[in-house]
């Protein structure tokens, strides 16, 4: 399960990884009204993610790492939403992983400088979708899931190879 954190719109995407193939199982955005107090918005995000985790039973939750720009208030809200997502995962017994925006772009597009639209188009291509996932937050969350799925797949392949051939080293 991939998460694109935010308090107004938190994107989620669920990807199934089998062998070298990935398929989108679910995706969307948890929206909260801006006129609600932050604690109610975070409670809604937590409750919805708890339900999604119980429904999909993901083996991992991958989240976009907090990017700190010039707007401290915005960064704080994203951090709060990230914390709530990590809490829901921990309560569901799901391991968590964080990836920088550059790592996600590199995993999906091959370049850490890829434009947002390019990432979204590649998400559709990699998952065999006929169109770009909507809303944008869902596409971004699916990109996070793709990043983790590819990383986990490589890690598993290396670990398997190392178990068979001791000369293969597992790094990281």
N, C-alpha and C. Protein backbone atom coordinates (compact mmCIF):
# COMPACT_ATOMS: atom_id res chain seq x y z
N UNK A 1 0.85 -1.18 0.00
CA UNK A 1 0.00 0.00 0.00
C UNK A 1 0.89 1.23 0.00
N UNK A 2 0.62 2.14 -0.91
CA UNK A 2 1.37 3.39 -0.98
C UNK A 2 0.53 4.53 -0.45
N UNK A 3 1.18 5.50 0.18
CA UNK A 3 0.51 6.67 0.76
C UNK A 3 1.18 7.94 0.28
N UNK A 4 0.36 8.88 -0.20
CA UNK A 4 0.79 10.24 -0.51
C UNK A 4 0.15 11.10 0.58
N UNK A 5 0.91 11.47 1.63
CA UNK A 5 0.31 12.09 2.80
C UNK A 5 -0.16 13.53 2.59
N UNK A 6 -1.22 13.87 3.28
CA UNK A 6 -1.76 15.21 3.30
C UNK A 6 -2.99 15.22 4.18
N UNK A 7 -3.35 16.38 4.73
CA UNK A 7 -4.55 16.44 5.58
C UNK A 7 -5.79 16.76 4.77
N UNK A 8 -5.67 17.55 3.73
CA UNK A 8 -6.83 17.85 2.88
C UNK A 8 -7.15 16.66 2.00
N UNK A 9 -6.13 16.06 1.41
CA UNK A 9 -6.27 14.90 0.54
C UNK A 9 -5.10 13.96 0.79
N UNK A 10 -5.39 12.80 1.33
CA UNK A 10 -4.36 11.79 1.53
C UNK A 10 -4.60 10.71 0.47
N UNK A 11 -3.62 10.55 -0.42
CA UNK A 11 -3.77 9.55 -1.46
C UNK A 11 -3.36 8.18 -0.97
N UNK A 12 -4.07 7.15 -1.45
CA UNK A 12 -3.69 5.77 -1.15
C UNK A 12 -3.76 4.97 -2.44
N UNK A 13 -2.89 3.98 -2.52
CA UNK A 13 -2.88 3.09 -3.67
C UNK A 13 -2.44 1.72 -3.23
N UNK A 14 -3.14 0.71 -3.68
CA UNK A 14 -2.82 -0.67 -3.32
C UNK A 14 -2.40 -1.40 -4.58
N UNK A 15 -1.21 -1.97 -4.54
CA UNK A 15 -0.63 -2.67 -5.69
C UNK A 15 -0.30 -4.10 -5.28
N UNK A 16 -0.64 -5.03 -6.16
CA UNK A 16 -0.26 -6.43 -5.96
C UNK A 16 0.99 -6.70 -6.78
N UNK A 17 1.99 -7.28 -6.13
CA UNK A 17 3.25 -7.59 -6.81
C UNK A 17 3.37 -9.11 -6.86
N UNK A 18 3.48 -9.64 -8.07
CA UNK A 18 3.66 -11.08 -8.25
C UNK A 18 4.71 -11.30 -9.31
N UNK A 19 5.83 -11.89 -8.88
CA UNK A 19 6.92 -12.06 -9.83
C UNK A 19 7.40 -10.70 -10.29
N UNK A 20 7.49 -10.50 -11.57
CA UNK A 20 7.90 -9.22 -12.11
C UNK A 20 6.73 -8.33 -12.50
N UNK A 21 5.51 -8.73 -12.17
CA UNK A 21 4.31 -8.00 -12.56
C UNK A 21 3.68 -7.27 -11.39
N UNK A 22 3.11 -6.09 -11.70
CA UNK A 22 2.36 -5.33 -10.69
C UNK A 22 0.98 -5.02 -11.26
N UNK A 23 -0.01 -5.02 -10.37
CA UNK A 23 -1.37 -4.67 -10.77
C UNK A 23 -1.98 -3.79 -9.69
N UNK A 24 -2.73 -2.78 -10.11
CA UNK A 24 -3.43 -1.91 -9.16
C UNK A 24 -4.68 -2.61 -8.67
N UNK A 25 -4.84 -2.66 -7.35
CA UNK A 25 -6.03 -3.26 -6.75
C UNK A 25 -7.03 -2.20 -6.30
N UNK A 26 -6.51 -1.04 -5.88
CA UNK A 26 -7.37 0.02 -5.34
C UNK A 26 -6.58 1.31 -5.31
N UNK A 27 -7.27 2.40 -5.28
CA UNK A 27 -6.63 3.71 -5.17
C UNK A 27 -7.67 4.79 -5.03
N UNK A 28 -7.29 5.85 -4.37
CA UNK A 28 -8.21 6.96 -4.18
C UNK A 28 -7.61 7.99 -3.25
N UNK A 29 -8.45 8.84 -2.74
CA UNK A 29 -8.01 9.87 -1.82
C UNK A 29 -8.99 9.98 -0.66
N UNK A 30 -8.44 10.15 0.51
CA UNK A 30 -9.25 10.41 1.70
C UNK A 30 -9.29 11.93 1.83
N UNK A 31 -10.47 12.50 1.65
CA UNK A 31 -10.61 13.96 1.70
C UNK A 31 -11.20 14.38 3.03
N UNK A 32 -10.71 15.51 3.54
CA UNK A 32 -11.25 16.07 4.77
C UNK A 32 -11.57 17.54 4.54
N UNK A 33 -12.68 18.01 5.08
CA UNK A 33 -13.06 19.42 4.90
C UNK A 33 -12.14 20.38 5.66
N UNK A 34 -11.75 21.44 4.99
CA UNK A 34 -10.81 22.39 5.59
C UNK A 34 -11.42 23.17 6.76
N UNK A 35 -12.75 23.16 6.87
CA UNK A 35 -13.37 23.90 7.97
C UNK A 35 -13.46 23.07 9.26
N UNK A 36 -13.03 21.82 9.21
CA UNK A 36 -13.03 20.99 10.42
C UNK A 36 -11.74 21.20 11.20
N UNK A 37 -11.80 21.03 12.53
CA UNK A 37 -10.57 21.10 13.33
C UNK A 37 -9.61 19.98 12.91
N UNK A 38 -8.33 20.24 13.01
CA UNK A 38 -7.32 19.30 12.56
C UNK A 38 -7.46 17.94 13.24
N UNK A 39 -7.82 17.92 14.51
CA UNK A 39 -7.94 16.64 15.20
C UNK A 39 -9.05 15.76 14.61
N UNK A 40 -10.13 16.39 14.15
CA UNK A 40 -11.21 15.62 13.51
C UNK A 40 -10.79 15.14 12.13
N UNK A 41 -10.03 15.96 11.43
CA UNK A 41 -9.54 15.56 10.11
C UNK A 41 -8.60 14.36 10.24
N UNK A 42 -7.69 14.43 11.22
CA UNK A 42 -6.74 13.34 11.44
C UNK A 42 -7.45 12.06 11.91
N UNK A 43 -8.49 12.22 12.73
CA UNK A 43 -9.26 11.06 13.20
C UNK A 43 -9.95 10.38 12.01
N UNK A 44 -10.48 11.17 11.08
CA UNK A 44 -11.13 10.61 9.89
C UNK A 44 -10.12 9.87 9.02
N UNK A 45 -8.95 10.46 8.83
CA UNK A 45 -7.90 9.81 8.04
C UNK A 45 -7.52 8.48 8.70
N UNK A 46 -7.32 8.50 10.01
CA UNK A 46 -6.93 7.29 10.74
C UNK A 46 -7.99 6.20 10.61
N UNK A 47 -9.24 6.56 10.84
CA UNK A 47 -10.33 5.57 10.77
C UNK A 47 -10.44 4.97 9.37
N UNK A 48 -10.34 5.81 8.36
CA UNK A 48 -10.46 5.32 6.98
C UNK A 48 -9.28 4.42 6.62
N UNK A 49 -8.07 4.84 6.97
CA UNK A 49 -6.90 4.00 6.69
C UNK A 49 -6.96 2.68 7.47
N UNK A 50 -7.43 2.72 8.68
CA UNK A 50 -7.58 1.49 9.47
C UNK A 50 -8.51 0.52 8.75
N UNK A 51 -9.62 1.03 8.22
CA UNK A 51 -10.56 0.19 7.46
C UNK A 51 -9.90 -0.35 6.19
N UNK A 52 -9.17 0.51 5.47
CA UNK A 52 -8.51 0.07 4.23
C UNK A 52 -7.45 -0.99 4.51
N UNK A 53 -6.70 -0.82 5.58
CA UNK A 53 -5.67 -1.80 5.95
C UNK A 53 -6.33 -3.13 6.33
N UNK A 54 -7.42 -3.07 7.07
CA UNK A 54 -8.13 -4.30 7.44
C UNK A 54 -8.69 -5.00 6.20
N UNK A 55 -9.18 -4.22 5.26
CA UNK A 55 -9.78 -4.77 4.04
C UNK A 55 -8.72 -5.40 3.12
N UNK A 56 -7.64 -4.66 2.85
CA UNK A 56 -6.64 -5.13 1.88
C UNK A 56 -5.55 -6.00 2.49
N UNK A 57 -5.32 -5.88 3.79
CA UNK A 57 -4.27 -6.61 4.49
C UNK A 57 -2.92 -6.55 3.75
N UNK A 58 -2.41 -5.34 3.55
CA UNK A 58 -1.13 -5.21 2.84
C UNK A 58 0.02 -5.79 3.66
N UNK A 59 1.06 -6.23 2.97
CA UNK A 59 2.24 -6.74 3.67
C UNK A 59 3.17 -5.60 4.06
N UNK A 60 2.98 -4.44 3.43
CA UNK A 60 3.82 -3.27 3.75
C UNK A 60 3.05 -2.00 3.42
N UNK A 61 3.41 -0.93 4.12
CA UNK A 61 2.89 0.39 3.81
C UNK A 61 4.10 1.26 3.48
N UNK A 62 4.08 1.83 2.28
CA UNK A 62 5.16 2.72 1.85
C UNK A 62 4.58 4.13 1.79
N UNK A 63 5.35 5.09 2.29
CA UNK A 63 4.87 6.46 2.37
C UNK A 63 5.91 7.40 1.79
N UNK A 64 5.42 8.45 1.15
CA UNK A 64 6.35 9.46 0.65
C UNK A 64 6.92 10.21 1.84
N UNK A 65 8.23 10.27 1.90
CA UNK A 65 8.92 10.95 2.99
C UNK A 65 8.60 12.43 2.95
N UNK A 66 8.54 13.01 4.10
CA UNK A 66 8.21 14.42 4.23
C UNK A 66 9.24 15.29 3.52
N UNK A 67 8.74 16.13 2.64
CA UNK A 67 9.59 17.10 1.95
C UNK A 67 9.34 18.44 2.60
N UNK A 68 10.40 19.03 3.14
CA UNK A 68 10.27 20.31 3.83
C UNK A 68 10.59 21.45 2.88
N UNK A 69 9.58 22.19 2.52
CA UNK A 69 9.76 23.36 1.67
C UNK A 69 9.80 24.61 2.51
N UNK A 70 9.37 25.71 1.94
CA UNK A 70 9.40 26.98 2.65
C UNK A 70 8.17 27.17 3.55
N UNK A 71 7.08 26.43 3.28
CA UNK A 71 5.86 26.59 4.04
C UNK A 71 5.85 25.62 5.23
N UNK A 72 6.23 26.12 6.39
CA UNK A 72 6.34 25.31 7.59
C UNK A 72 4.98 24.75 8.00
N UNK A 73 3.93 25.54 7.90
CA UNK A 73 2.58 25.10 8.28
C UNK A 73 2.13 23.92 7.44
N UNK A 74 2.38 23.98 6.15
CA UNK A 74 2.02 22.89 5.25
C UNK A 74 2.82 21.64 5.59
N UNK A 75 4.11 21.81 5.86
CA UNK A 75 4.96 20.67 6.21
C UNK A 75 4.49 20.02 7.51
N UNK A 76 4.04 20.81 8.45
CA UNK A 76 3.54 20.28 9.72
C UNK A 76 2.30 19.42 9.48
N UNK A 77 1.38 19.90 8.65
CA UNK A 77 0.15 19.14 8.38
C UNK A 77 0.45 17.84 7.66
N UNK A 78 1.38 17.88 6.71
CA UNK A 78 1.78 16.66 6.01
C UNK A 78 2.41 15.69 7.01
N UNK A 79 3.23 16.20 7.92
CA UNK A 79 3.85 15.37 8.95
C UNK A 79 2.82 14.73 9.88
N UNK A 80 1.78 15.49 10.22
CA UNK A 80 0.72 14.95 11.06
C UNK A 80 -0.03 13.82 10.33
N UNK A 81 -0.34 14.04 9.07
CA UNK A 81 -1.03 13.01 8.28
C UNK A 81 -0.14 11.77 8.13
N UNK A 82 1.16 11.98 7.94
CA UNK A 82 2.10 10.85 7.85
C UNK A 82 2.10 10.05 9.15
N UNK A 83 2.13 10.75 10.27
CA UNK A 83 2.12 10.08 11.56
C UNK A 83 0.88 9.25 11.78
N UNK A 84 -0.26 9.78 11.39
CA UNK A 84 -1.52 9.05 11.52
C UNK A 84 -1.51 7.80 10.63
N UNK A 85 -0.97 7.92 9.41
CA UNK A 85 -0.89 6.77 8.51
C UNK A 85 0.03 5.70 9.09
N UNK A 86 1.17 6.11 9.63
CA UNK A 86 2.11 5.16 10.23
C UNK A 86 1.49 4.49 11.46
N UNK A 87 0.73 5.24 12.23
CA UNK A 87 0.05 4.68 13.40
C UNK A 87 -0.97 3.62 12.97
N UNK A 88 -1.77 3.94 11.96
CA UNK A 88 -2.77 2.97 11.48
C UNK A 88 -2.09 1.69 11.00
N UNK A 89 -0.96 1.84 10.31
CA UNK A 89 -0.22 0.66 9.84
C UNK A 89 0.32 -0.14 11.02
N UNK A 90 0.93 0.54 11.98
CA UNK A 90 1.49 -0.15 13.14
C UNK A 90 0.40 -0.90 13.91
N UNK A 91 -0.75 -0.28 14.07
CA UNK A 91 -1.85 -0.93 14.77
C UNK A 91 -2.37 -2.14 14.00
N UNK A 92 -2.20 -2.13 12.68
CA UNK A 92 -2.61 -3.25 11.86
C UNK A 92 -1.51 -4.28 11.66
N UNK A 93 -0.36 -4.07 12.31
CA UNK A 93 0.75 -5.01 12.19
C UNK A 93 1.45 -4.96 10.85
N UNK A 94 1.40 -3.81 10.18
CA UNK A 94 1.98 -3.66 8.84
C UNK A 94 3.32 -2.91 8.94
N UNK A 95 4.35 -3.46 8.33
CA UNK A 95 5.67 -2.82 8.30
C UNK A 95 5.61 -1.56 7.44
N UNK A 96 6.36 -0.54 7.83
CA UNK A 96 6.34 0.74 7.12
C UNK A 96 7.70 1.08 6.52
N UNK A 97 7.67 1.75 5.38
CA UNK A 97 8.86 2.16 4.66
C UNK A 97 8.62 3.56 4.11
N UNK A 98 9.66 4.40 4.10
CA UNK A 98 9.53 5.76 3.58
C UNK A 98 10.51 5.96 2.44
N UNK A 99 10.06 6.69 1.41
CA UNK A 99 10.88 6.96 0.24
C UNK A 99 10.81 8.45 -0.08
N UNK A 100 11.95 9.00 -0.47
CA UNK A 100 11.98 10.41 -0.86
C UNK A 100 11.27 10.59 -2.20
N UNK A 101 10.81 11.80 -2.48
CA UNK A 101 10.20 12.05 -3.79
C UNK A 101 11.14 11.68 -4.95
N UNK A 102 12.44 11.93 -4.78
CA UNK A 102 13.40 11.60 -5.84
C UNK A 102 13.51 10.09 -6.05
N UNK A 103 13.49 9.33 -4.96
CA UNK A 103 13.57 7.87 -5.07
C UNK A 103 12.33 7.32 -5.78
N UNK A 104 11.18 7.88 -5.48
CA UNK A 104 9.93 7.45 -6.12
C UNK A 104 9.96 7.76 -7.61
N UNK A 105 10.37 8.97 -7.95
CA UNK A 105 10.45 9.36 -9.37
C UNK A 105 11.45 8.48 -10.12
N UNK A 106 12.57 8.18 -9.49
CA UNK A 106 13.58 7.33 -10.12
C UNK A 106 13.04 5.93 -10.33
N UNK A 107 12.35 5.38 -9.34
CA UNK A 107 11.79 4.03 -9.45
C UNK A 107 10.75 3.94 -10.56
N UNK A 108 9.95 4.99 -10.72
CA UNK A 108 8.85 4.95 -11.68
C UNK A 108 9.29 5.40 -13.07
N UNK A 109 10.14 6.42 -13.14
CA UNK A 109 10.50 7.03 -14.43
C UNK A 109 11.96 6.87 -14.83
N UNK A 110 12.81 6.48 -13.90
CA UNK A 110 14.23 6.37 -14.20
C UNK A 110 14.99 7.65 -13.97
N UNK A 111 14.30 8.70 -13.52
CA UNK A 111 14.94 9.99 -13.25
C UNK A 111 14.31 10.62 -12.02
N UNK A 112 15.14 11.08 -11.09
CA UNK A 112 14.66 11.76 -9.91
C UNK A 112 14.14 13.16 -10.18
N UNK A 113 14.32 13.63 -11.43
CA UNK A 113 13.85 14.96 -11.81
C UNK A 113 12.61 14.91 -12.69
N UNK A 114 11.95 13.76 -12.78
CA UNK A 114 10.77 13.62 -13.65
C UNK A 114 9.66 14.56 -13.20
N UNK A 115 8.92 15.07 -14.17
CA UNK A 115 7.78 15.95 -13.88
C UNK A 115 6.61 15.13 -13.35
N UNK A 116 5.75 15.78 -12.59
CA UNK A 116 4.59 15.12 -11.98
C UNK A 116 3.74 14.38 -13.02
N UNK A 117 3.45 15.01 -14.14
CA UNK A 117 2.62 14.39 -15.20
C UNK A 117 3.31 13.16 -15.79
N UNK A 118 4.63 13.23 -15.92
CA UNK A 118 5.38 12.10 -16.44
C UNK A 118 5.27 10.91 -15.49
N UNK A 119 5.38 11.17 -14.19
CA UNK A 119 5.25 10.11 -13.19
C UNK A 119 3.86 9.49 -13.29
N UNK A 120 2.84 10.32 -13.38
CA UNK A 120 1.47 9.81 -13.43
C UNK A 120 1.21 8.97 -14.69
N UNK A 121 1.78 9.38 -15.80
CA UNK A 121 1.63 8.60 -17.04
C UNK A 121 2.35 7.26 -16.93
N UNK A 122 3.53 7.27 -16.30
CA UNK A 122 4.27 6.03 -16.14
C UNK A 122 3.57 5.08 -15.16
N UNK A 123 2.90 5.62 -14.17
CA UNK A 123 2.13 4.79 -13.24
C UNK A 123 1.09 4.00 -14.04
N UNK A 124 0.37 4.71 -14.91
CA UNK A 124 -0.65 4.04 -15.74
C UNK A 124 -0.01 2.97 -16.62
N UNK A 125 1.12 3.30 -17.22
CA UNK A 125 1.81 2.36 -18.10
C UNK A 125 2.28 1.13 -17.34
N UNK A 126 2.95 1.34 -16.21
CA UNK A 126 3.50 0.23 -15.43
C UNK A 126 2.42 -0.69 -14.87
N UNK A 127 1.25 -0.12 -14.58
CA UNK A 127 0.16 -0.92 -14.01
C UNK A 127 -0.83 -1.40 -15.08
N UNK A 128 -0.55 -1.08 -16.34
CA UNK A 128 -1.41 -1.53 -17.44
C UNK A 128 -2.79 -0.91 -17.42
N UNK A 129 -2.87 0.36 -16.96
CA UNK A 129 -4.15 1.06 -16.90
C UNK A 129 -4.39 1.82 -18.19
N UNK A 130 -5.63 1.93 -18.60
CA UNK A 130 -5.95 2.61 -19.85
C UNK A 130 -5.85 4.13 -19.73
N UNK A 131 -5.92 4.63 -18.52
CA UNK A 131 -5.77 6.08 -18.30
C UNK A 131 -5.08 6.35 -16.98
N UNK A 132 -4.65 7.59 -16.82
CA UNK A 132 -3.97 8.01 -15.59
C UNK A 132 -4.94 7.93 -14.41
N UNK A 133 -4.52 7.33 -13.30
CA UNK A 133 -5.41 7.24 -12.13
C UNK A 133 -5.83 8.62 -11.64
N UNK A 134 -7.04 8.72 -11.19
CA UNK A 134 -7.59 9.95 -10.62
C UNK A 134 -8.08 9.67 -9.22
N UNK A 135 -8.03 10.60 -8.32
CA UNK A 135 -7.41 11.91 -8.45
C UNK A 135 -5.88 11.80 -8.46
N UNK A 136 -5.22 12.93 -8.66
CA UNK A 136 -3.76 12.96 -8.72
C UNK A 136 -3.12 12.32 -7.49
N UNK A 137 -3.73 12.51 -6.33
CA UNK A 137 -3.17 11.95 -5.09
C UNK A 137 -3.16 10.43 -5.13
N UNK A 138 -4.14 9.83 -5.79
CA UNK A 138 -4.16 8.36 -5.93
C UNK A 138 -3.02 7.91 -6.83
N UNK A 139 -2.80 8.63 -7.93
CA UNK A 139 -1.70 8.30 -8.84
C UNK A 139 -0.36 8.42 -8.11
N UNK A 140 -0.22 9.45 -7.30
CA UNK A 140 1.02 9.64 -6.54
C UNK A 140 1.22 8.51 -5.53
N UNK A 141 0.14 8.08 -4.88
CA UNK A 141 0.23 6.98 -3.91
C UNK A 141 0.57 5.67 -4.61
N UNK A 142 0.01 5.45 -5.80
CA UNK A 142 0.35 4.25 -6.57
C UNK A 142 1.83 4.27 -6.96
N UNK A 143 2.36 5.47 -7.25
CA UNK A 143 3.79 5.59 -7.56
C UNK A 143 4.64 5.17 -6.36
N UNK A 144 4.20 5.55 -5.16
CA UNK A 144 4.92 5.15 -3.94
C UNK A 144 4.87 3.63 -3.79
N UNK A 145 3.71 3.04 -4.05
CA UNK A 145 3.57 1.58 -3.96
C UNK A 145 4.45 0.88 -5.00
N UNK A 146 4.51 1.44 -6.21
CA UNK A 146 5.37 0.87 -7.26
C UNK A 146 6.82 0.94 -6.84
N UNK A 147 7.22 2.07 -6.27
CA UNK A 147 8.59 2.23 -5.79
C UNK A 147 8.92 1.14 -4.78
N UNK A 148 8.05 0.95 -3.81
CA UNK A 148 8.32 -0.07 -2.80
C UNK A 148 8.27 -1.48 -3.38
N UNK A 149 7.29 -1.73 -4.22
CA UNK A 149 7.15 -3.05 -4.83
C UNK A 149 8.39 -3.44 -5.62
N UNK A 150 8.93 -2.51 -6.38
CA UNK A 150 10.15 -2.77 -7.14
C UNK A 150 11.35 -2.94 -6.24
N UNK A 151 11.44 -2.12 -5.21
CA UNK A 151 12.55 -2.19 -4.26
C UNK A 151 12.48 -3.50 -3.48
N UNK A 152 11.29 -3.84 -3.01
CA UNK A 152 11.12 -5.09 -2.25
C UNK A 152 11.42 -6.29 -3.14
N UNK A 153 10.99 -6.22 -4.39
CA UNK A 153 11.25 -7.31 -5.32
C UNK A 153 12.74 -7.52 -5.56
N UNK A 154 13.46 -6.42 -5.73
CA UNK A 154 14.92 -6.52 -5.91
C UNK A 154 15.58 -7.07 -4.64
N UNK A 155 15.13 -6.58 -3.47
CA UNK A 155 15.68 -7.03 -2.21
C UNK A 155 15.46 -8.54 -2.02
N UNK A 156 14.24 -9.00 -2.34
CA UNK A 156 13.92 -10.42 -2.21
C UNK A 156 14.76 -11.25 -3.18
N UNK A 157 14.91 -10.76 -4.41
CA UNK A 157 15.70 -11.50 -5.40
C UNK A 157 17.16 -11.60 -4.97
N UNK A 158 17.71 -10.53 -4.43
CA UNK A 158 19.10 -10.54 -3.97
C UNK A 158 19.24 -11.48 -2.77
N UNK A 159 18.29 -11.43 -1.84
CA UNK A 159 18.35 -12.31 -0.68
C UNK A 159 18.27 -13.77 -1.09
N UNK A 160 17.41 -14.08 -2.07
CA UNK A 160 17.29 -15.45 -2.57
C UNK A 160 18.59 -15.88 -3.24
N UNK A 161 19.15 -15.00 -4.06
CA UNK A 161 20.42 -15.31 -4.73
C UNK A 161 21.54 -15.51 -3.71
N UNK A 162 21.55 -14.70 -2.67
CA UNK A 162 22.59 -14.81 -1.64
C UNK A 162 22.46 -16.12 -0.87
N UNK A 163 21.22 -16.58 -0.68
CA UNK A 163 21.01 -17.84 0.02
C UNK A 163 21.54 -19.02 -0.80
N UNK A 164 21.45 -18.89 -2.13
CA UNK A 164 21.90 -19.96 -3.03
C UNK A 164 23.39 -19.86 -3.30
N UNK A 165 23.88 -18.61 -3.47
CA UNK A 165 25.29 -18.39 -3.81
C UNK A 165 25.90 -17.44 -2.79
N UNK A 166 26.73 -17.95 -1.88
CA UNK A 166 27.32 -17.10 -0.82
C UNK A 166 28.18 -15.95 -1.34
N UNK A 167 28.57 -15.97 -2.61
CA UNK A 167 29.39 -14.87 -3.13
C UNK A 167 28.54 -13.63 -3.43
N UNK A 168 27.21 -13.78 -3.45
CA UNK A 168 26.32 -12.63 -3.66
C UNK A 168 26.17 -11.93 -2.31
N UNK A 169 26.43 -10.63 -2.32
CA UNK A 169 26.34 -9.86 -1.08
C UNK A 169 25.04 -9.08 -1.04
N UNK A 170 24.40 -9.06 0.11
CA UNK A 170 23.19 -8.26 0.33
C UNK A 170 23.65 -6.96 0.98
N UNK A 171 23.37 -5.85 0.33
CA UNK A 171 23.76 -4.55 0.84
C UNK A 171 22.50 -3.76 1.14
N UNK A 172 22.44 -3.13 2.32
CA UNK A 172 21.32 -2.28 2.67
C UNK A 172 20.14 -2.97 3.23
